Amino acid sequence: MASMITNLIRLLTSFLAVTVVLTLHEFAHAFVAYKCGDPTPKWNGRLSVNPARHFDLIGLICFAFVGFGWAKPVPVNPNNFRKYRKGSILTAGAGIVMNYLSAFLFYPLLILVMRFPIGSNTYFSYFLYSLTYLLFAYSLSFCVFNLLPFYPLDGFRLFEAFDRRRGKVYRFLRQYGYGILLFLIVESMICDVFVRFGVWQMEYLDLLGYIMQFAVGIVGWPISKLWGLVF
């Protein structure tokens, strides 16, 4: 019974954390694009912090269960930017920067929850810990994950902004990027299932798992180090 409750709490906090992380990410894209001169995100209702306006169902499910996924891309018309290249780069990188900043702000909340438990209810304490940890971890993992150069991720958009020749590499990433992402996510889910059933060797084959470890351990190191000077 206790195990079932903790699993339900973990699933609930995962969806809540995904909701916050994805919404902030997509809002950042829309806001920066609008400030760079493109009204397209506003016309399409994406200049909003309403999560329902940003979700891609498959990306949301993948993110909640695996820790990696995507939202519905913000529609942008780079021809409206006051400066095409600058606007394209800033807009593509806005979500990544937002996720790193949010991870920086969520980390002290995690520390406070760990050091000062609220009340004597074990499940409530676990809920707070799980939520704050996932807000921090998902922010970092989404930041790193979006740097991958596959469509429709931000890494592809950055590549697109820097390379206007639209050569073979661009066409390959544009055409097959979505399929590659789905393969990596499904592969990670399969590895996770085997690990849960005791086949721990499958953990070594979890490609996206390595990205998650890198995100939290390496990219998150400056955040934990800086806040460590405060706490």
Protein backbone atom coordinates (compact mmCIF):
# COMPACT_ATOMS: atom_id res chain seq x y z
CA MET A 1 0.00 0.00 0.00
CA ALA A 2 2.76 2.42 0.98
CA SER A 3 4.67 1.63 -2.20
CA MET A 4 1.58 2.30 -4.32
CA ILE A 5 1.03 5.67 -2.63
CA THR A 6 4.64 6.75 -3.16
CA ASN A 7 4.42 5.71 -6.83
CA LEU A 8 1.25 7.78 -7.25
CA ILE A 9 2.93 10.76 -5.57
CA ARG A 10 5.93 10.38 -7.87
CA LEU A 11 3.69 10.29 -10.93
CA LEU A 12 1.67 13.30 -9.77
CA THR A 13 4.73 15.39 -8.98
CA SER A 14 6.25 14.39 -12.31
CA PHE A 15 3.26 15.77 -14.21
CA LEU A 16 3.19 18.93 -12.08
CA ALA A 17 6.90 19.53 -12.62
CA VAL A 18 6.53 18.93 -16.36
CA THR A 19 3.68 21.41 -16.49
CA VAL A 20 5.77 24.15 -14.91
CA VAL A 21 9.00 23.43 -16.81
CA LEU A 22 7.40 23.19 -20.27
CA THR A 23 5.22 26.25 -19.75
CA LEU A 24 8.15 28.43 -18.71
CA HIS A 25 10.21 27.13 -21.61
CA GLU A 26 7.63 27.85 -24.31
CA PHE A 27 6.57 31.17 -22.82
CA ALA A 28 10.22 32.29 -22.99
CA HIS A 29 10.32 31.48 -26.72
CA ALA A 30 7.10 33.39 -27.37
CA PHE A 31 8.09 36.38 -25.25
CA VAL A 32 11.53 36.82 -26.81
CA ALA A 33 10.18 36.37 -30.35
CA TYR A 34 7.55 39.02 -29.66
CA LYS A 35 10.14 41.41 -28.22
CA CYS A 36 12.33 40.86 -31.30
CA GLY A 37 9.49 42.09 -33.50
CA ASP A 38 7.47 38.98 -34.41
CA PRO A 39 3.77 39.12 -33.38
CA THR A 40 3.12 35.54 -34.59
CA PRO A 41 3.32 33.92 -31.11
CA LYS A 42 0.83 36.46 -29.73
CA TRP A 43 -1.57 35.95 -32.65
CA ASN A 44 -1.47 32.19 -31.99
CA GLY A 45 -2.13 32.56 -28.28
CA ARG A 46 1.31 31.40 -27.21
CA LEU A 47 2.29 34.57 -25.33
CA SER A 48 0.71 32.97 -22.29
CA VAL A 49 1.55 31.05 -19.12
CA ASN A 50 -1.50 28.82 -19.61
CA PRO A 51 0.00 25.29 -19.87
CA ALA A 52 -2.80 24.04 -22.15
CA ARG A 53 -1.61 26.36 -24.92
CA HIS A 54 1.84 24.79 -25.05
CA PHE A 55 1.42 21.03 -24.58
CA ASP A 56 2.20 18.38 -27.16
CA LEU A 57 0.51 15.20 -25.90
CA ILE A 58 3.23 12.74 -26.94
CA GLY A 59 6.01 15.04 -25.70
CA LEU A 60 4.21 15.54 -22.38
CA ILE A 61 3.75 11.81 -21.79
CA CYS A 62 7.38 11.10 -22.68
CA PHE A 63 8.60 13.83 -20.38
CA ALA A 64 6.47 12.69 -17.43
CA PHE A 65 7.49 9.02 -17.71
CA VAL A 66 11.08 9.28 -18.98
CA GLY A 67 12.21 12.77 -18.01
CA PHE A 68 12.67 13.86 -21.64
CA GLY A 69 10.14 15.27 -24.06
CA TRP A 70 8.97 18.40 -25.82
CA ALA A 71 6.13 20.88 -26.07
CA LYS A 72 4.26 22.21 -29.09
CA PRO A 73 6.72 24.41 -30.99
CA VAL A 74 5.96 28.13 -30.80
CA PRO A 75 5.09 29.41 -34.30
CA VAL A 76 7.59 32.06 -35.31
CA ASN A 77 8.12 34.03 -38.52
CA PRO A 78 11.81 35.08 -38.54
CA ASN A 79 11.12 37.51 -41.40
CA ASN A 80 9.35 39.72 -38.87
CA PHE A 81 12.42 40.07 -36.68
CA ARG A 82 14.01 43.50 -36.69
CA LYS A 83 17.35 41.71 -37.07
CA TYR A 84 16.88 38.29 -38.64
CA ARG A 85 19.88 36.40 -37.31
CA LYS A 86 19.95 37.98 -33.87
CA GLY A 87 16.23 37.44 -33.40
CA SER A 88 16.46 33.83 -34.55
CA ILE A 89 19.33 33.02 -32.18
CA LEU A 90 17.78 34.78 -29.18
CA THR A 91 14.40 33.15 -29.75
CA ALA A 92 15.87 29.67 -30.19
CA GLY A 93 18.00 29.99 -27.07
CA ALA A 94 15.36 31.63 -24.86
CA GLY A 95 13.82 28.39 -23.64
CA ILE A 96 17.19 26.86 -22.79
CA VAL A 97 18.21 29.94 -20.80
CA MET A 98 14.84 30.02 -19.04
CA ASN A 99 15.19 26.39 -17.95
CA TYR A 100 18.66 27.00 -16.54
CA LEU A 101 17.48 30.08 -14.64
CA SER A 102 14.46 28.21 -13.29
CA ALA A 103 16.74 25.37 -12.13
CA PHE A 104 18.81 27.99 -10.32
CA LEU A 105 15.67 29.25 -8.53
CA PHE A 106 14.21 25.81 -7.77
CA TYR A 107 17.38 24.43 -6.19
CA PRO A 108 17.17 26.46 -2.93
CA LEU A 109 13.55 25.32 -2.55
CA LEU A 110 14.79 21.71 -2.72
CA ILE A 111 17.44 22.43 -0.08
CA LEU A 112 14.88 24.06 2.23
CA VAL A 113 12.49 21.12 1.89
CA MET A 114 15.31 18.67 2.66
CA ARG A 115 16.58 20.58 5.68
CA PHE A 116 13.29 21.77 7.18
CA PRO A 117 10.56 19.12 6.78
CA ILE A 118 7.03 20.51 7.16
CA GLY A 119 4.81 18.62 9.59
CA SER A 120 4.95 14.97 10.54
CA ASN A 121 3.10 13.55 7.51
CA THR A 122 5.61 11.35 5.69
CA TYR A 123 3.68 11.37 2.41
CA PHE A 124 3.35 15.16 2.39
CA SER A 125 7.07 15.54 3.04
CA TYR A 126 7.80 13.11 0.22
CA PHE A 127 5.44 15.05 -2.06
CA LEU A 128 7.31 18.30 -1.40
CA TYR A 129 10.71 16.65 -1.83
CA SER A 130 9.71 14.88 -5.05
CA LEU A 131 8.15 18.02 -6.52
CA THR A 132 11.08 20.35 -5.77
CA TYR A 133 13.64 17.77 -6.89
CA LEU A 134 11.84 17.13 -10.19
CA LEU A 135 11.39 20.86 -10.83
CA PHE A 136 15.15 21.23 -10.49
CA ALA A 137 16.11 18.03 -12.34
CA TYR A 138 13.61 18.45 -15.19
CA SER A 139 14.65 22.07 -15.71
CA LEU A 140 18.25 20.94 -16.15
CA SER A 141 17.46 17.88 -18.25
CA PHE A 142 15.16 19.87 -20.55
CA CYS A 143 17.85 22.53 -20.88
CA VAL A 144 20.45 19.96 -21.98
CA PHE A 145 17.99 17.83 -23.97
CA ASN A 146 16.95 20.84 -26.05
CA LEU A 147 20.53 21.45 -27.09
CA LEU A 148 20.41 18.24 -29.16
CA PRO A 149 20.36 19.25 -32.87
CA PHE A 150 17.23 17.29 -33.81
CA TYR A 151 13.97 18.79 -35.06
CA PRO A 152 11.88 20.14 -33.31
CA LEU A 153 14.29 20.86 -30.45
CA ASP A 154 15.97 24.21 -29.81
CA GLY A 155 19.37 22.83 -30.79
CA PHE A 156 18.01 22.37 -34.29
CA ARG A 157 16.62 25.91 -34.27
CA LEU A 158 20.00 27.27 -33.25
CA PHE A 159 21.65 25.27 -36.02
CA GLU A 160 19.01 26.62 -38.40
CA ALA A 161 19.72 30.20 -37.32
CA PHE A 162 23.47 29.85 -37.89
CA ASP A 163 23.22 27.88 -41.15
CA ARG A 164 21.03 29.58 -43.74
CA ARG A 165 22.41 27.48 -46.61
CA ARG A 166 20.05 24.59 -45.74
CA GLY A 167 22.55 21.93 -46.82
CA LYS A 168 22.50 18.15 -46.49
CA VAL A 169 23.03 18.15 -42.71
CA TYR A 170 20.15 20.56 -42.22
CA ARG A 171 17.81 18.53 -44.45
CA PHE A 172 18.75 15.29 -42.67
CA LEU A 173 18.12 16.75 -39.21
CA ARG A 174 14.87 18.36 -40.39
CA GLN A 175 13.56 15.20 -42.02
CA TYR A 176 14.69 12.53 -39.55
CA GLY A 177 15.16 14.44 -36.30
CA TYR A 178 11.69 13.69 -34.92
CA GLY A 179 12.10 9.98 -35.62
CA ILE A 180 15.52 9.90 -33.98
CA LEU A 181 14.09 11.55 -30.86
CA LEU A 182 11.25 9.05 -30.64
CA PHE A 183 13.72 6.18 -30.99
CA LEU A 184 15.93 7.53 -28.20
CA ILE A 185 12.97 8.06 -25.88
CA VAL A 186 11.42 4.65 -26.56
CA GLU A 187 14.83 3.03 -26.06
CA SER A 188 15.15 4.81 -22.72
CA MET A 189 11.67 3.67 -21.66
CA ILE A 190 12.47 0.05 -22.55
CA CYS A 191 15.71 0.18 -20.58
CA ASP A 192 13.84 1.64 -17.60
CA VAL A 193 11.26 -1.19 -17.68
CA PHE A 194 14.01 -3.85 -17.69
CA VAL A 195 15.83 -2.13 -14.83
CA ARG A 196 12.62 -2.04 -12.77
CA PHE A 197 12.33 -5.81 -13.25
CA GLY A 198 15.86 -6.39 -12.03
CA VAL A 199 17.83 -6.41 -15.28
CA TRP A 200 20.08 -3.63 -14.06
CA GLN A 201 22.61 -4.14 -16.89
CA MET A 202 20.15 -2.39 -19.22
CA GLU A 203 20.94 0.85 -17.41
CA TYR A 204 24.24 0.98 -19.31
CA LEU A 205 22.31 1.11 -22.61
CA ASP A 206 20.05 3.98 -21.56
CA LEU A 207 21.36 6.74 -23.84
CA LEU A 208 19.05 9.46 -22.54
CA GLY A 209 19.85 8.37 -19.00
CA TYR A 210 23.43 9.49 -19.59
CA ILE A 211 22.11 12.91 -20.64
CA MET A 212 20.04 13.15 -17.45
CA GLN A 213 23.06 12.29 -15.32
CA PHE A 214 25.14 14.82 -17.21
CA ALA A 215 22.45 17.48 -16.79
CA VAL A 216 22.05 17.09 -13.05
CA GLY A 217 25.66 16.27 -12.24
CA ILE A 218 27.70 18.49 -14.54
CA VAL A 219 25.49 21.30 -15.81
CA GLY A 220 23.87 21.60 -12.39
CA TRP A 221 27.21 21.75 -10.58
CA PRO A 222 27.61 25.56 -10.73
CA ILE A 223 24.10 25.95 -9.32
CA SER A 224 24.65 23.62 -6.38
CA LYS A 225 28.11 25.09 -5.76
CA LEU A 226 26.86 28.68 -5.71
CA TRP A 227 23.88 27.97 -3.48
CA GLY A 228 26.18 25.90 -1.28
CA LEU A 229 27.92 29.16 -0.35
CA VAL A 230 24.58 30.47 0.93
CA PHE A 231 23.23 27.43 2.78
